[in-house]
Protein backbone atom coordinates (compact mmCIF):
# COMPACT_ATOMS: atom_id res chain seq x y z
CA MET A 1 24.37 -30.69 -103.16
CA SER A 2 25.86 -30.20 -106.73
CA ARG A 3 22.21 -30.67 -108.14
CA LEU A 4 20.83 -27.71 -105.69
CA LEU A 5 23.92 -25.63 -107.04
CA ASN A 6 22.82 -26.46 -110.78
CA GLN A 7 19.56 -25.52 -110.18
CA LEU A 8 20.52 -22.76 -107.97
CA ALA A 9 22.30 -21.46 -110.97
CA ASN A 10 19.70 -21.90 -113.87
CA THR A 11 17.18 -19.74 -111.31
CA LEU A 12 19.63 -17.45 -111.52
CA ARG A 13 20.00 -17.49 -115.22
CA THR A 14 15.99 -17.59 -115.60
CA LEU A 15 16.03 -14.70 -113.45
CA GLU A 16 18.71 -12.37 -115.19
CA TYR A 17 16.86 -13.37 -118.80
CA CYS A 18 13.90 -12.34 -117.49
CA LEU A 19 14.54 -9.07 -115.86
CA PHE A 20 17.47 -7.89 -118.39
CA GLY A 21 16.40 -9.32 -121.67
CA GLY A 22 18.79 -11.98 -122.43
CA ASN A 23 21.24 -8.90 -122.26
CA ARG A 24 23.65 -9.54 -119.42
CA PHE A 25 24.40 -6.45 -117.36
CA PRO A 26 22.72 -3.88 -118.85
CA PRO A 27 24.14 -0.12 -118.64
CA ALA A 28 22.47 2.09 -115.83
CA ALA A 29 21.03 3.98 -118.07
CA LEU A 30 18.49 1.31 -120.14
CA ALA A 31 18.07 -0.64 -116.84
CA MET A 32 14.55 1.10 -116.39
CA ALA A 33 14.27 0.91 -120.04
CA GLN A 34 14.34 -2.76 -120.33
CA ALA A 35 12.29 -3.16 -117.16
CA ALA A 36 9.30 -2.16 -119.20
CA HIS A 37 9.64 -4.80 -121.57
CA ILE A 38 10.33 -7.75 -118.57
CA PRO A 39 8.41 -10.72 -119.98
CA GLU A 40 5.87 -12.73 -118.12
CA CYS A 41 7.51 -15.63 -117.10
CA GLY A 42 9.15 -14.23 -114.40
CA ARG A 43 6.16 -12.15 -113.07
CA ASN A 44 3.46 -13.75 -110.17
CA PRO A 45 0.10 -13.00 -110.51
CA PRO A 46 -1.33 -10.32 -108.11
CA GLY A 47 -2.08 -11.44 -104.39
CA LYS A 48 0.46 -14.46 -104.53
CA THR A 49 3.30 -14.02 -102.29
CA PHE A 50 7.01 -15.19 -103.90
CA THR A 51 8.42 -18.46 -101.63
CA VAL A 52 11.50 -20.12 -101.38
CA ARG A 53 9.87 -23.67 -102.52
CA ASP A 54 9.04 -21.57 -105.78
CA LEU A 55 12.81 -20.68 -106.59
CA ILE A 56 14.16 -24.38 -105.78
CA GLY A 57 11.10 -26.38 -106.14
CA ASP A 58 11.55 -30.14 -104.35
CA GLY A 59 14.89 -30.43 -104.61
CA MET A 60 16.08 -29.79 -101.35
CA PHE A 61 12.98 -31.68 -99.16
CA TRP A 62 13.76 -35.13 -100.63
CA ALA A 63 14.67 -37.71 -97.80
CA VAL A 64 17.66 -37.12 -96.70
CA PRO A 65 19.71 -37.33 -93.19
CA LYS A 66 18.85 -34.29 -90.88
CA HIS A 67 21.89 -34.88 -88.61
CA ARG A 68 25.17 -36.10 -89.32
CA ARG A 69 26.23 -39.56 -87.30
CA THR A 70 28.50 -38.14 -84.50
CA LEU A 71 32.89 -39.30 -84.22
CA GLU A 72 31.60 -41.31 -81.39
CA LYS A 73 29.08 -43.30 -82.94
CA ARG A 74 30.81 -43.65 -86.61
CA HIS A 75 33.99 -45.35 -83.87
CA LYS A 76 31.82 -47.50 -81.70
CA ARG A 77 30.23 -48.81 -85.29
CA LYS A 78 33.82 -49.18 -86.52
CA TYR A 79 35.56 -50.92 -83.20
CA GLY A 80 32.91 -51.48 -81.03
CA SER A 81 32.85 -50.48 -77.65
CA PRO A 82 34.41 -51.57 -74.47
CA GLU A 83 31.07 -51.94 -72.56
CA TYR A 84 29.52 -54.48 -75.05
CA LYS A 85 32.28 -56.10 -78.02
CA LEU A 86 35.46 -54.31 -78.58
CA LYS A 87 36.28 -55.54 -82.40
CA ILE A 88 39.89 -54.63 -82.40
CA PHE A 89 40.75 -56.75 -79.56
CA THR A 90 38.37 -59.92 -80.15
CA PRO A 91 40.60 -63.09 -81.26
CA LYS A 92 39.88 -65.00 -83.12
CA ILE A 93 39.11 -68.70 -81.99
CA HIS A 94 37.81 -70.49 -85.30
CA LEU A 95 41.69 -70.91 -87.19
CA ARG A 96 43.14 -73.99 -88.40
CA SER A 97 46.29 -75.37 -89.97
CA CYS A 98 46.00 -77.19 -93.16
CA ALA A 99 47.04 -80.85 -92.95
CA THR A 100 48.63 -80.33 -96.60
CA CYS A 101 50.58 -76.51 -96.30
CA GLY A 102 50.37 -75.81 -93.25
CA SER A 103 48.77 -72.35 -93.92
CA ASP A 104 46.36 -71.18 -91.34
CA HIS A 105 42.77 -70.78 -92.56
CA GLU A 106 39.01 -70.43 -91.08
CA VAL A 107 37.09 -72.90 -89.99
CA GLY A 108 34.55 -74.42 -93.05
CA VAL A 109 36.52 -72.53 -95.46
CA LEU A 110 39.18 -73.96 -97.86
CA CYS A 111 42.60 -73.38 -97.43
CA PRO A 112 43.77 -70.04 -99.64
CA THR A 113 46.77 -71.27 -100.04
CA CYS A 114 45.89 -75.00 -101.55
CA TYR A 115 42.98 -73.30 -103.30
CA ASP A 116 45.30 -70.82 -105.63
CA LYS A 117 47.36 -73.34 -106.55
CA VAL A 118 44.49 -75.61 -108.16
CA ARG A 119 43.44 -72.67 -109.46
CA LYS A 120 46.72 -71.83 -111.45
CA GLU A 121 47.17 -75.21 -112.44
CA THR A 122 43.84 -75.49 -113.82
CA GLU A 123 44.43 -72.33 -115.34
CA LEU A 124 47.10 -73.92 -117.08
CA MET A 125 45.45 -77.06 -118.50
CA GLN A 126 42.36 -74.78 -119.47
CA GLU A 127 45.17 -73.24 -121.63
CA LYS A 128 46.99 -76.21 -123.00
CA ILE A 129 43.53 -77.77 -124.19
CA GLN A 130 42.46 -74.37 -125.76
CA ASN A 131 45.64 -74.14 -127.71
CA GLU A 132 45.56 -78.23 -128.76
CA LEU A 133 42.28 -78.17 -129.78
CA GLY A 134 41.15 -74.73 -130.38
CA LEU A 135 36.82 -74.56 -130.56
CA GLU A 136 36.87 -77.79 -132.57
CA PRO A 137 33.32 -79.54 -131.05
CA VAL A 138 34.36 -82.40 -128.24
CA ASP A 139 32.95 -85.57 -129.64
CA LYS A 140 35.39 -87.73 -127.73
CA ASP A 141 36.79 -87.58 -124.18
CA VAL A 142 39.18 -85.20 -123.29
CA VAL A 143 42.56 -87.08 -121.21
CA VAL A 144 45.01 -84.73 -119.83
CA LEU A 145 48.17 -86.18 -119.41
CA TYR A 146 51.45 -85.14 -117.31
CA ASP A 147 54.91 -85.94 -118.23
CA ARG A 148 55.78 -89.49 -119.03
CA GLU A 149 52.07 -90.89 -118.44
CA ARG A 150 51.46 -92.44 -121.54
CA ASP A 151 53.76 -94.73 -121.70
CA GLU A 152 52.38 -96.33 -118.59
CA GLN A 153 49.33 -97.53 -120.47
CA PRO A 154 49.08 -99.64 -123.92
CA ALA A 155 48.63 -97.57 -127.20
CA GLU A 156 45.19 -100.03 -127.33
CA PHE A 157 43.88 -97.63 -124.20
CA TRP A 158 44.12 -94.27 -125.21
CA GLU A 159 42.12 -95.52 -128.94
CA GLY A 160 38.96 -93.04 -128.90
CA LYS A 161 40.19 -90.32 -126.66
CA ARG A 162 42.06 -86.80 -126.97
CA ILE A 163 44.63 -86.18 -125.35
CA VAL A 164 46.35 -83.44 -124.58
CA GLU A 165 50.20 -83.74 -123.05
CA MET A 166 51.31 -81.02 -120.01
CA GLU A 167 55.42 -80.65 -120.58
CA LYS A 168 55.94 -80.94 -116.66
CA PRO A 169 55.70 -84.05 -113.95
CA ARG A 170 52.53 -84.37 -112.41
CA PRO A 171 51.88 -82.29 -109.09
CA THR A 172 52.24 -84.24 -105.63
CA TRP A 173 48.70 -82.95 -104.70
CA PHE A 174 47.03 -83.72 -107.90
CA SER A 175 45.88 -87.66 -107.67
CA LYS A 176 46.05 -90.14 -110.67
CA ASN A 177 42.21 -91.36 -109.24
CA LEU A 178 40.74 -87.78 -110.94
CA LEU A 179 41.00 -89.05 -114.37
CA GLN A 180 38.43 -92.24 -112.95
CA LYS A 181 34.69 -91.18 -114.30
CA SER A 182 32.69 -90.80 -111.09
CA THR A 183 29.55 -91.80 -112.80
CA GLN A 184 28.61 -95.66 -113.59
CA SER A 185 26.47 -97.35 -116.33
CA ALA A 186 23.38 -98.19 -115.36
CA PRO A 187 23.09 -102.22 -113.66
CA GLU A 188 21.27 -104.69 -115.91
CA PRO A 189 17.73 -105.54 -115.03
CA ASP A 190 18.21 -109.03 -113.70
CA GLU A 191 21.51 -107.64 -111.70
CA LEU A 192 20.93 -107.87 -107.78
CA LYS A 193 22.23 -105.91 -105.28
CA PRO A 194 24.33 -108.12 -102.78
CA GLY A 195 22.10 -109.54 -99.90
CA HIS A 196 19.11 -109.60 -101.60
CA GLU A 197 17.79 -112.76 -103.14
CA LYS A 198 15.57 -112.99 -106.30
CA LEU A 199 11.90 -113.44 -105.85
CA GLY A 200 9.96 -116.30 -107.00
């Protein structure tokens, strides 16, 4: 709509310039005198009629909705209908209680309360690692330890590792098994899996 109004304003300015020669609102005595000096830009060739399409162009004939969607249809799309399905009164039967915190969540979706706790703890760990190590290249294993966890292992165990300590106790939901590597070294060629006999 604003583009159409701008086009109309520009067209009116062009007509005004063509009719009055750039001087807006001339005196009545000079109007007829200036009409003789109208530039050719505003005149149509003889035999051709002036139409609205010549004035506006294709701007108002673009593909737009011809009819507004009624209020009934808008409400039916938003709230449903009693004949088929009323969305506002449909009970949610796919909710479960989290076994850890007891919050309700949808089936197949992570518990938002537990996820928020893990996200905040992860952000604290990332900030601590960034402050401790900076932008140095990571050439050693980085181990995040909580309060008094360094004393559980001998000093030789932590050699060759970059240690980042958190000044607080470990959360109850954060297991220590997460510190173990999930990948294992490749087996030797002579190693056999249990239950297989060596051929030859």
